[in-house]
Amino acid sequence: MQETVTLECTEARKEGKPVSRYLTKRNKKTVTERIEKKKYNPHLKRHTLHKEIK
């Protein structure tokens, strides 16, 4: 069963910039922990760590 989750940038708020968000899917049965991925933040113009939010 696929679940849609939102990933939010962890570094943008520290620098006072707008956060970037991405939508992705995960399998609830096999992946129980929160997802962390490196994604591109266009406001910071670099790849940053994005963590799953509720």
N, C-alpha and C. Protein backbone atom coordinates (compact mmCIF):
# COMPACT_ATOMS: atom_id res chain seq x y z
N MET A 1 0.84 -1.18 0.00
CA MET A 1 0.00 0.00 0.00
C MET A 1 0.89 1.24 0.00
N GLN A 2 0.74 2.07 -1.01
CA GLN A 2 1.56 3.27 -1.15
C GLN A 2 0.91 4.44 -0.41
N GLU A 3 1.77 5.21 0.24
CA GLU A 3 1.31 6.39 0.98
C GLU A 3 2.07 7.60 0.45
N THR A 4 1.38 8.71 0.20
CA THR A 4 2.02 9.93 -0.24
C THR A 4 2.53 10.69 0.97
N VAL A 5 3.81 11.08 0.94
CA VAL A 5 4.42 11.83 2.04
C VAL A 5 5.04 13.11 1.49
N THR A 6 5.21 14.09 2.36
CA THR A 6 5.81 15.37 2.00
C THR A 6 7.20 15.46 2.61
N LEU A 7 8.18 15.86 1.79
CA LEU A 7 9.54 16.08 2.25
C LEU A 7 9.79 17.58 2.30
N GLU A 8 10.36 18.05 3.41
CA GLU A 8 10.62 19.49 3.58
C GLU A 8 12.09 19.72 3.87
N CYS A 9 12.63 20.80 3.32
CA CYS A 9 14.04 21.15 3.51
C CYS A 9 14.32 21.47 4.97
N THR A 10 15.48 21.01 5.46
CA THR A 10 15.84 21.23 6.86
C THR A 10 16.75 22.44 7.04
N GLU A 11 17.38 22.92 5.98
CA GLU A 11 18.37 23.99 6.11
C GLU A 11 17.84 25.39 5.80
N ALA A 12 16.74 25.49 5.07
CA ALA A 12 16.27 26.79 4.59
C ALA A 12 15.81 27.71 5.72
N ARG A 13 15.12 27.16 6.70
CA ARG A 13 14.62 28.02 7.80
C ARG A 13 15.75 28.60 8.62
N LYS A 14 16.83 27.85 8.78
CA LYS A 14 17.99 28.35 9.53
C LYS A 14 18.60 29.57 8.84
N GLU A 15 18.52 29.60 7.51
CA GLU A 15 19.11 30.70 6.74
C GLU A 15 18.09 31.79 6.42
N GLY A 16 16.85 31.64 6.87
CA GLY A 16 15.83 32.66 6.65
C GLY A 16 15.27 32.70 5.25
N LYS A 17 15.34 31.59 4.53
CA LYS A 17 14.84 31.50 3.16
C LYS A 17 13.55 30.66 3.14
N PRO A 18 12.76 30.74 2.06
CA PRO A 18 11.57 29.89 1.97
C PRO A 18 11.96 28.41 1.85
N VAL A 19 11.17 27.54 2.45
CA VAL A 19 11.46 26.11 2.39
C VAL A 19 10.97 25.54 1.07
N SER A 20 11.62 24.48 0.64
CA SER A 20 11.14 23.76 -0.54
C SER A 20 10.54 22.45 -0.07
N ARG A 21 9.49 22.02 -0.77
CA ARG A 21 8.81 20.78 -0.42
C ARG A 21 8.65 19.92 -1.65
N TYR A 22 8.75 18.62 -1.44
CA TYR A 22 8.56 17.63 -2.50
C TYR A 22 7.57 16.59 -2.03
N LEU A 23 6.78 16.05 -2.96
CA LEU A 23 5.88 14.94 -2.67
C LEU A 23 6.52 13.66 -3.21
N THR A 24 6.44 12.60 -2.44
CA THR A 24 6.94 11.30 -2.86
C THR A 24 6.06 10.22 -2.25
N LYS A 25 6.28 8.99 -2.64
CA LYS A 25 5.49 7.88 -2.11
C LYS A 25 6.41 6.90 -1.41
N ARG A 26 5.83 6.18 -0.44
CA ARG A 26 6.56 5.13 0.23
C ARG A 26 5.60 3.99 0.55
N ASN A 27 6.14 2.81 0.70
CA ASN A 27 5.35 1.64 1.05
C ASN A 27 5.28 1.57 2.57
N LYS A 28 4.08 1.70 3.12
CA LYS A 28 3.89 1.72 4.58
C LYS A 28 4.34 0.42 5.25
N LYS A 29 4.15 -0.70 4.56
CA LYS A 29 4.44 -1.99 5.18
C LYS A 29 5.93 -2.27 5.27
N THR A 30 6.70 -1.86 4.28
CA THR A 30 8.13 -2.18 4.29
C THR A 30 9.00 -1.06 4.85
N VAL A 31 8.56 0.19 4.72
CA VAL A 31 9.34 1.33 5.21
C VAL A 31 8.56 1.98 6.34
N THR A 32 8.96 1.70 7.58
CA THR A 32 8.22 2.23 8.72
C THR A 32 8.82 3.51 9.28
N GLU A 33 10.11 3.76 9.06
CA GLU A 33 10.73 4.97 9.59
C GLU A 33 10.53 6.13 8.61
N ARG A 34 10.82 7.33 9.08
CA ARG A 34 10.65 8.53 8.24
C ARG A 34 11.74 8.60 7.18
N ILE A 35 11.37 9.11 6.02
CA ILE A 35 12.27 9.18 4.86
C ILE A 35 13.13 10.44 4.96
N GLU A 36 14.40 10.32 4.58
CA GLU A 36 15.32 11.46 4.44
C GLU A 36 16.01 11.31 3.10
N LYS A 37 15.95 12.36 2.28
CA LYS A 37 16.59 12.33 0.97
C LYS A 37 17.27 13.66 0.70
N LYS A 38 18.32 13.63 -0.12
CA LYS A 38 18.94 14.86 -0.57
C LYS A 38 18.23 15.29 -1.84
N LYS A 39 17.64 16.49 -1.80
CA LYS A 39 16.89 17.02 -2.94
C LYS A 39 17.36 18.45 -3.20
N TYR A 40 17.06 18.97 -4.38
CA TYR A 40 17.47 20.32 -4.76
C TYR A 40 16.53 21.36 -4.17
N ASN A 41 17.11 22.39 -3.55
CA ASN A 41 16.34 23.52 -3.05
C ASN A 41 16.63 24.71 -3.96
N PRO A 42 15.64 25.16 -4.75
CA PRO A 42 15.90 26.25 -5.70
C PRO A 42 16.16 27.60 -5.03
N HIS A 43 15.69 27.79 -3.80
CA HIS A 43 15.92 29.07 -3.10
C HIS A 43 17.37 29.17 -2.62
N LEU A 44 17.96 28.05 -2.22
CA LEU A 44 19.35 28.04 -1.78
C LEU A 44 20.31 27.70 -2.92
N LYS A 45 19.76 27.22 -4.03
CA LYS A 45 20.53 26.85 -5.23
C LYS A 45 21.55 25.77 -4.96
N ARG A 46 21.14 24.76 -4.17
CA ARG A 46 22.00 23.61 -3.90
C ARG A 46 21.17 22.45 -3.38
N HIS A 47 21.78 21.28 -3.32
CA HIS A 47 21.10 20.10 -2.78
C HIS A 47 21.20 20.14 -1.26
N THR A 48 20.07 19.88 -0.60
CA THR A 48 20.00 19.88 0.87
C THR A 48 19.24 18.65 1.34
N LEU A 49 19.34 18.38 2.62
CA LEU A 49 18.64 17.25 3.21
C LEU A 49 17.17 17.62 3.42
N HIS A 50 16.28 16.77 2.92
CA HIS A 50 14.84 16.95 3.09
C HIS A 50 14.32 15.80 3.93
N LYS A 51 13.54 16.12 4.96
CA LYS A 51 12.98 15.10 5.84
C LYS A 51 11.46 15.07 5.72
N GLU A 52 10.91 13.91 6.00
CA GLU A 52 9.46 13.72 5.95
C GLU A 52 8.79 14.50 7.08
N ILE A 53 7.68 15.17 6.75
CA ILE A 53 6.88 15.88 7.75
C ILE A 53 5.51 15.27 7.80
N LYS A 54 4.78 15.53 8.87
CA LYS A 54 3.41 15.00 9.01
C LYS A 54 2.46 15.85 8.20
